[in-house]
Amino acid sequence: MEINGTVGMLLHDKSPEVSSVALGSTVLSAIQLMADRNIGAVPVLDRGKLVGMLSERDYTRKVVLKGRASKNTRVEEIMVRNPIVVSPNDSIAACMRMMTDKRVRHLPVIEDGRMVGILSIGDLVKWIISSQEATIDQLTKYVFGE
Protein backbone atom coordinates (compact mmCIF):
# COMPACT_ATOMS: atom_id res chain seq x y z
CA MET A 1 0.00 0.00 0.00
CA GLU A 2 1.37 3.39 -0.93
CA ILE A 3 1.02 6.14 1.64
CA ASN A 4 0.55 9.57 0.13
CA GLY A 5 0.71 12.99 1.68
CA THR A 6 3.16 15.34 3.28
CA VAL A 7 3.83 16.44 6.83
CA GLY A 8 2.37 19.84 5.94
CA MET A 9 -0.90 18.24 4.84
CA LEU A 10 -1.11 16.32 8.09
CA LEU A 11 -0.30 19.39 10.21
CA HIS A 12 -3.04 21.32 8.42
CA ASP A 13 -5.62 19.23 10.30
CA LYS A 14 -3.88 19.50 13.69
CA SER A 15 -4.01 22.29 16.22
CA PRO A 16 -1.12 24.70 15.62
CA GLU A 17 -0.41 24.83 19.37
CA VAL A 18 2.76 23.01 20.39
CA SER A 19 3.46 22.52 24.09
CA SER A 20 7.11 22.91 25.03
CA VAL A 21 9.41 23.45 27.99
CA ALA A 22 12.31 25.81 28.36
CA LEU A 23 15.89 24.71 28.84
CA GLY A 24 16.50 24.81 32.58
CA SER A 25 13.03 23.58 33.50
CA THR A 26 12.71 20.76 35.97
CA VAL A 27 11.78 17.29 34.81
CA LEU A 28 8.83 17.47 37.22
CA SER A 29 7.39 20.50 35.40
CA ALA A 30 7.87 18.79 32.03
CA ILE A 31 6.17 15.59 33.20
CA GLN A 32 3.33 17.64 34.69
CA LEU A 33 2.86 19.43 31.35
CA MET A 34 2.80 16.10 29.50
CA ALA A 35 0.21 14.75 31.94
CA ASP A 36 -1.94 17.90 31.70
CA ARG A 37 -1.87 17.88 27.88
CA ASN A 38 -2.04 14.07 27.54
CA ILE A 39 1.09 13.97 25.38
CA GLY A 40 4.07 11.63 25.45
CA ALA A 41 6.89 14.07 24.69
CA VAL A 42 7.74 17.75 24.69
CA PRO A 43 10.28 19.76 22.76
CA VAL A 44 12.87 21.60 24.82
CA LEU A 45 13.50 25.16 23.64
CA ASP A 46 16.29 27.62 24.32
CA ARG A 47 15.25 31.16 23.40
CA GLY A 48 12.67 29.73 21.02
CA LYS A 49 15.09 27.35 19.29
CA LEU A 50 14.69 23.58 19.49
CA VAL A 51 17.57 22.03 21.44
CA GLY A 52 16.09 18.71 22.52
CA MET A 53 13.14 16.39 23.06
CA LEU A 54 12.01 14.91 26.34
CA SER A 55 9.75 11.86 26.38
CA GLU A 56 8.10 9.72 29.00
CA ARG A 57 10.58 7.04 27.99
CA ASP A 58 13.49 9.36 28.82
CA TYR A 59 11.89 10.05 32.19
CA THR A 60 11.39 6.41 33.12
CA ARG A 61 14.83 5.29 32.00
CA LYS A 62 16.94 8.25 33.12
CA VAL A 63 15.13 9.41 36.26
CA VAL A 64 12.91 6.70 37.73
CA LEU A 65 15.19 3.72 37.10
CA LYS A 66 18.24 5.66 38.32
CA GLY A 67 16.52 6.80 41.53
CA ARG A 68 16.82 10.49 40.69
CA ALA A 69 14.37 13.15 41.89
CA SER A 70 12.17 14.78 39.24
CA LYS A 71 12.07 18.10 41.07
CA ASN A 72 15.88 18.31 41.29
CA THR A 73 16.69 17.12 37.77
CA ARG A 74 16.77 19.56 34.84
CA VAL A 75 15.40 18.59 31.44
CA GLU A 76 18.78 19.12 29.76
CA GLU A 77 20.24 16.36 31.94
CA ILE A 78 18.01 13.69 30.38
CA MET A 79 16.66 15.07 27.09
CA VAL A 80 17.64 13.79 23.67
CA ARG A 81 19.88 16.46 22.17
CA ASN A 82 19.76 17.36 18.49
CA PRO A 83 16.55 15.43 17.85
CA ILE A 84 15.65 14.12 14.42
CA VAL A 85 13.48 16.70 12.69
CA VAL A 86 11.37 16.85 9.55
CA SER A 87 10.03 19.61 7.33
CA PRO A 88 6.47 20.23 6.13
CA ASN A 89 7.55 19.04 2.66
CA ASP A 90 8.67 15.59 3.86
CA SER A 91 6.43 12.68 2.93
CA ILE A 92 4.35 10.74 5.44
CA ALA A 93 5.95 7.52 4.13
CA ALA A 94 9.46 8.87 4.79
CA CYS A 95 8.45 9.88 8.32
CA MET A 96 7.09 6.40 8.99
CA ARG A 97 10.35 4.84 7.84
CA MET A 98 12.36 7.30 9.92
CA MET A 99 10.31 6.64 13.07
CA THR A 100 10.64 2.90 12.58
CA ASP A 101 14.36 2.93 11.75
CA LYS A 102 15.34 5.41 14.48
CA ARG A 103 12.85 4.08 17.05
CA VAL A 104 11.33 7.48 17.81
CA ARG A 105 7.68 8.29 18.38
CA HIS A 106 7.77 12.08 17.92
CA LEU A 107 9.28 14.24 15.18
CA PRO A 108 9.51 18.01 15.54
CA VAL A 109 8.59 19.81 12.32
CA ILE A 110 10.94 22.66 11.44
CA GLU A 111 10.33 25.31 8.78
CA ASP A 112 12.66 28.26 8.19
CA GLY A 113 14.50 27.50 11.42
CA ARG A 114 11.45 27.48 13.68
CA MET A 115 9.32 24.70 15.03
CA VAL A 116 5.86 24.66 13.43
CA GLY A 117 4.53 21.42 14.85
CA ILE A 118 5.16 17.92 16.11
CA LEU A 119 4.33 14.71 14.33
CA SER A 120 3.56 11.72 16.54
CA ILE A 121 3.23 8.07 15.68
CA GLY A 122 -0.45 8.44 16.57
CA ASP A 123 -0.82 11.18 13.96
CA LEU A 124 0.62 8.85 11.33
CA VAL A 125 -1.69 6.00 12.31
CA LYS A 126 -4.74 8.31 12.09
CA TRP A 127 -3.55 9.55 8.67
CA ILE A 128 -3.16 5.99 7.35
CA ILE A 129 -6.59 4.93 8.64
CA SER A 130 -8.21 7.99 7.08
CA SER A 131 -6.39 7.35 3.80
CA GLN A 132 -7.49 3.72 3.76
CA GLU A 133 -11.09 4.68 4.48
CA ALA A 134 -11.04 7.17 1.60
CA THR A 135 -9.61 4.54 -0.76
CA ILE A 136 -12.23 1.98 0.28
CA ASP A 137 -14.98 4.56 -0.20
CA GLN A 138 -13.72 5.44 -3.70
CA LEU A 139 -13.44 1.78 -4.70
CA THR A 140 -16.91 1.01 -3.35
CA LYS A 141 -18.39 3.89 -5.38
CA TYR A 142 -16.53 2.71 -8.45
CA VAL A 143 -17.64 -0.91 -8.12
CA PHE A 144 -21.26 -0.08 -7.38
CA GLY A 145 -21.43 2.81 -9.85
CA GLU A 146 -22.27 5.61 -7.45
C-alpha atoms as a PDB file:
ATOM      1  CA  MET A   1       0.000   0.000   0.000  1.00  0.00           C
ATOM      2  CA  GLU A   2       1.367   3.392  -0.926  1.00  0.00           C
ATOM      3  CA  ILE A   3       1.024   6.144   1.639  1.00  0.00           C
ATOM      4  CA  ASN A   4       0.548   9.573   0.128  1.00  0.00           C
ATOM      5  CA  GLY A   5       0.707  12.989   1.676  1.00  0.00           C
ATOM      6  CA  THR A   6       3.162  15.341   3.284  1.00  0.00           C
ATOM      7  CA  VAL A   7       3.834  16.440   6.830  1.00  0.00           C
ATOM      8  CA  GLY A   8       2.366  19.840   5.945  1.00  0.00           C
ATOM      9  CA  MET A   9      -0.904  18.244   4.840  1.00  0.00           C
ATOM     10  CA  LEU A  10      -1.109  16.323   8.094  1.00  0.00           C
ATOM     11  CA  LEU A  11      -0.304  19.395  10.208  1.00  0.00           C
ATOM     12  CA  HIS A  12      -3.043  21.320   8.417  1.00  0.00           C
ATOM     13  CA  ASP A  13      -5.623  19.232  10.300  1.00  0.00           C
ATOM     14  CA  LYS A  14      -3.883  19.497  13.688  1.00  0.00           C
ATOM     15  CA  SER A  15      -4.007  22.288  16.222  1.00  0.00           C
ATOM     16  CA  PRO A  16      -1.122  24.700  15.621  1.00  0.00           C
ATOM     17  CA  GLU A  17      -0.409  24.831  19.372  1.00  0.00           C
ATOM     18  CA  VAL A  18       2.760  23.010  20.393  1.00  0.00           C
ATOM     19  CA  SER A  19       3.465  22.517  24.089  1.00  0.00           C
ATOM     20  CA  SER A  20       7.115  22.912  25.034  1.00  0.00           C
ATOM     21  CA  VAL A  21       9.405  23.452  27.993  1.00  0.00           C
ATOM     22  CA  ALA A  22      12.315  25.811  28.361  1.00  0.00           C
ATOM     23  CA  LEU A  23      15.892  24.707  28.837  1.00  0.00           C
ATOM     24  CA  GLY A  24      16.505  24.811  32.585  1.00  0.00           C
ATOM     25  CA  SER A  25      13.028  23.576  33.501  1.00  0.00           C
ATOM     26  CA  THR A  26      12.709  20.760  35.972  1.00  0.00           C
ATOM     27  CA  VAL A  27      11.775  17.291  34.806  1.00  0.00           C
ATOM     28  CA  LEU A  28       8.827  17.466  37.215  1.00  0.00           C
ATOM     29  CA  SER A  29       7.388  20.499  35.404  1.00  0.00           C
ATOM     30  CA  ALA A  30       7.873  18.791  32.028  1.00  0.00           C
ATOM     31  CA  ILE A  31       6.168  15.593  33.202  1.00  0.00           C
ATOM     32  CA  GLN A  32       3.325  17.637  34.689  1.00  0.00           C
ATOM     33  CA  LEU A  33       2.864  19.428  31.350  1.00  0.00           C
ATOM     34  CA  MET A  34       2.795  16.101  29.500  1.00  0.00           C
ATOM     35  CA  ALA A  35       0.209  14.751  31.939  1.00  0.00           C
ATOM     36  CA  ASP A  36      -1.938  17.896  31.699  1.00  0.00           C
ATOM     37  CA  ARG A  37      -1.868  17.878  27.881  1.00  0.00           C
ATOM     38  CA  ASN A  38      -2.043  14.072  27.539  1.00  0.00           C
ATOM     39  CA  ILE A  39       1.089  13.973  25.385  1.00  0.00           C
ATOM     40  CA  GLY A  40       4.074  11.632  25.449  1.00  0.00           C
ATOM     41  CA  ALA A  41       6.891  14.065  24.687  1.00  0.00           C
ATOM     42  CA  VAL A  42       7.736  17.750  24.691  1.00  0.00           C
ATOM     43  CA  PRO A  43      10.276  19.763  22.756  1.00  0.00           C
ATOM     44  CA  VAL A  44      12.868  21.604  24.824  1.00  0.00           C
ATOM     45  CA  LEU A  45      13.498  25.159  23.641  1.00  0.00           C
ATOM     46  CA  ASP A  46      16.288  27.618  24.324  1.00  0.00           C
ATOM     47  CA  ARG A  47      15.253  31.158  23.402  1.00  0.00           C
ATOM     48  CA  GLY A  48      12.668  29.730  21.015  1.00  0.00           C
ATOM     49  CA  LYS A  49      15.086  27.347  19.292  1.00  0.00           C
ATOM     50  CA  LEU A  50      14.689  23.578  19.489  1.00  0.00           C
ATOM     51  CA  VAL A  51      17.567  22.026  21.437  1.00  0.00           C
ATOM     52  CA  GLY A  52      16.086  18.709  22.523  1.00  0.00           C
ATOM     53  CA  MET A  53      13.138  16.387  23.060  1.00  0.00           C
ATOM     54  CA  LEU A  54      12.009  14.906  26.341  1.00  0.00           C
ATOM     55  CA  SER A  55       9.753  11.860  26.379  1.00  0.00           C
ATOM     56  CA  GLU A  56       8.102   9.721  29.003  1.00  0.00           C
ATOM     57  CA  ARG A  57      10.585   7.037  27.986  1.00  0.00           C
ATOM     58  CA  ASP A  58      13.493   9.363  28.816  1.00  0.00           C
ATOM     59  CA  TYR A  59      11.891  10.049  32.187  1.00  0.00           C
ATOM     60  CA  THR A  60      11.385   6.411  33.121  1.00  0.00           C
ATOM     61  CA  ARG A  61      14.833   5.290  31.997  1.00  0.00           C
ATOM     62  CA  LYS A  62      16.940   8.246  33.124  1.00  0.00           C
ATOM     63  CA  VAL A  63      15.132   9.410  36.264  1.00  0.00           C
ATOM     64  CA  VAL A  64      12.909   6.704  37.731  1.00  0.00           C
ATOM     65  CA  LEU A  65      15.190   3.722  37.098  1.00  0.00           C
ATOM     66  CA  LYS A  66      18.236   5.655  38.319  1.00  0.00           C
ATOM     67  CA  GLY A  67      16.522   6.795  41.529  1.00  0.00           C
ATOM     68  CA  ARG A  68      16.818  10.485  40.688  1.00  0.00           C
ATOM     69  CA  ALA A  69      14.373  13.153  41.894  1.00  0.00           C
ATOM     70  CA  SER A  70      12.171  14.780  39.244  1.00  0.00           C
ATOM     71  CA  LYS A  71      12.068  18.102  41.068  1.00  0.00           C
ATOM     72  CA  ASN A  72      15.885  18.308  41.289  1.00  0.00           C
ATOM     73  CA  THR A  73      16.694  17.116  37.767  1.00  0.00           C
ATOM     74  CA  ARG A  74      16.774  19.562  34.845  1.00  0.00           C
ATOM     75  CA  VAL A  75      15.397  18.593  31.436  1.00  0.00           C
ATOM     76  CA  GLU A  76      18.777  19.123  29.762  1.00  0.00           C
ATOM     77  CA  GLU A  77      20.242  16.360  31.938  1.00  0.00           C
ATOM     78  CA  ILE A  78      18.011  13.690  30.375  1.00  0.00           C
ATOM     79  CA  MET A  79      16.661  15.065  27.085  1.00  0.00           C
ATOM     80  CA  VAL A  80      17.638  13.794  23.669  1.00  0.00           C
ATOM     81  CA  ARG A  81      19.884  16.459  22.175  1.00  0.00           C
ATOM     82  CA  ASN A  82      19.758  17.362  18.487  1.00  0.00           C
ATOM     83  CA  PRO A  83      16.547  15.428  17.851  1.00  0.00           C
ATOM     84  CA  ILE A  84      15.653  14.117  14.419  1.00  0.00           C
ATOM     85  CA  VAL A  85      13.477  16.702  12.687  1.00  0.00           C
ATOM     86  CA  VAL A  86      11.367  16.854   9.550  1.00  0.00           C
ATOM     87  CA  SER A  87      10.030  19.610   7.330  1.00  0.00           C
ATOM     88  CA  PRO A  88       6.466  20.229   6.127  1.00  0.00           C
ATOM     89  CA  ASN A  89       7.553  19.040   2.663  1.00  0.00           C
ATOM     90  CA  ASP A  90       8.665  15.589   3.861  1.00  0.00           C
ATOM     91  CA  SER A  91       6.435  12.676   2.934  1.00  0.00           C
ATOM     92  CA  ILE A  92       4.354  10.738   5.441  1.00  0.00           C
ATOM     93  CA  ALA A  93       5.946   7.524   4.135  1.00  0.00           C
ATOM     94  CA  ALA A  94       9.456   8.873   4.787  1.00  0.00           C
ATOM     95  CA  CYS A  95       8.453   9.875   8.322  1.00  0.00           C
ATOM     96  CA  MET A  96       7.092   6.401   8.991  1.00  0.00           C
ATOM     97  CA  ARG A  97      10.346   4.842   7.838  1.00  0.00           C
ATOM     98  CA  MET A  98      12.355   7.302   9.922  1.00  0.00           C
ATOM     99  CA  MET A  99      10.306   6.645  13.068  1.00  0.00           C
ATOM    100  CA  THR A 100      10.642   2.899  12.578  1.00  0.00           C
ATOM    101  CA  ASP A 101      14.357   2.931  11.746  1.00  0.00           C
ATOM    102  CA  LYS A 102      15.343   5.410  14.481  1.00  0.00           C
ATOM    103  CA  ARG A 103      12.855   4.084  17.045  1.00  0.00           C
ATOM    104  CA  VAL A 104      11.330   7.480  17.810  1.00  0.00           C
ATOM    105  CA  ARG A 105       7.676   8.292  18.378  1.00  0.00           C
ATOM    106  CA  HIS A 106       7.768  12.085  17.916  1.00  0.00           C
ATOM    107  CA  LEU A 107       9.282  14.239  15.184  1.00  0.00           C
ATOM    108  CA  PRO A 108       9.513  18.014  15.540  1.00  0.00           C
ATOM    109  CA  VAL A 109       8.590  19.813  12.325  1.00  0.00           C
ATOM    110  CA  ILE A 110      10.941  22.664  11.439  1.00  0.00           C
ATOM    111  CA  GLU A 111      10.326  25.311   8.783  1.00  0.00           C
ATOM    112  CA  ASP A 112      12.661  28.256   8.187  1.00  0.00           C
ATOM    113  CA  GLY A 113      14.505  27.500  11.416  1.00  0.00           C
ATOM    114  CA  ARG A 114      11.453  27.482  13.677  1.00  0.00           C
ATOM    115  CA  MET A 115       9.316  24.697  15.033  1.00  0.00           C
ATOM    116  CA  VAL A 116       5.862  24.663  13.426  1.00  0.00           C
ATOM    117  CA  GLY A 117       4.528  21.416  14.848  1.00  0.00           C
ATOM    118  CA  ILE A 118       5.162  17.919  16.108  1.00  0.00           C
ATOM    119  CA  LEU A 119       4.333  14.714  14.330  1.00  0.00           C
ATOM    120  CA  SER A 120       3.557  11.722  16.537  1.00  0.00           C
ATOM    121  CA  ILE A 121       3.234   8.066  15.684  1.00  0.00           C
ATOM    122  CA  GLY A 122      -0.448   8.436  16.574  1.00  0.00           C
ATOM    123  CA  ASP A 123      -0.824  11.178  13.961  1.00  0.00           C
ATOM    124  CA  LEU A 124       0.619   8.848  11.331  1.00  0.00           C
ATOM    125  CA  VAL A 125      -1.694   5.998  12.307  1.00  0.00           C
ATOM    126  CA  LYS A 126      -4.735   8.308  12.086  1.00  0.00           C
ATOM    127  CA  TRP A 127      -3.552   9.546   8.667  1.00  0.00           C
ATOM    128  CA  ILE A 128      -3.164   5.993   7.354  1.00  0.00           C
ATOM    129  CA  ILE A 129      -6.588   4.931   8.641  1.00  0.00           C
ATOM    130  CA  SER A 130      -8.208   7.989   7.080  1.00  0.00           C
ATOM    131  CA  SER A 131      -6.387   7.354   3.803  1.00  0.00           C
ATOM    132  CA  GLN A 132      -7.489   3.716   3.758  1.00  0.00           C
ATOM    133  CA  GLU A 133     -11.094   4.680   4.483  1.00  0.00           C
ATOM    134  CA  ALA A 134     -11.044   7.174   1.603  1.00  0.00           C
ATOM    135  CA  THR A 135      -9.613   4.543  -0.755  1.00  0.00           C
ATOM    136  CA  ILE A 136     -12.234   1.981   0.283  1.00  0.00           C
ATOM    137  CA  ASP A 137     -14.985   4.557  -0.200  1.00  0.00           C
ATOM    138  CA  GLN A 138     -13.720   5.435  -3.698  1.00  0.00           C
ATOM    139  CA  LEU A 139     -13.440   1.779  -4.701  1.00  0.00           C
ATOM    140  CA  THR A 140     -16.910   1.015  -3.350  1.00  0.00           C
ATOM    141  CA  LYS A 141     -18.390   3.892  -5.379  1.00  0.00           C
ATOM    142  CA  TYR A 142     -16.530   2.710  -8.454  1.00  0.00           C
ATOM    143  CA  VAL A 143     -17.641  -0.907  -8.115  1.00  0.00           C
ATOM    144  CA  PHE A 144     -21.264  -0.081  -7.384  1.00  0.00           C
ATOM    145  CA  GLY A 145     -21.435   2.811  -9.849  1.00  0.00           C
ATOM    146  CA  GLU A 146     -22.270   5.613  -7.446  1.00  0.00           C
END
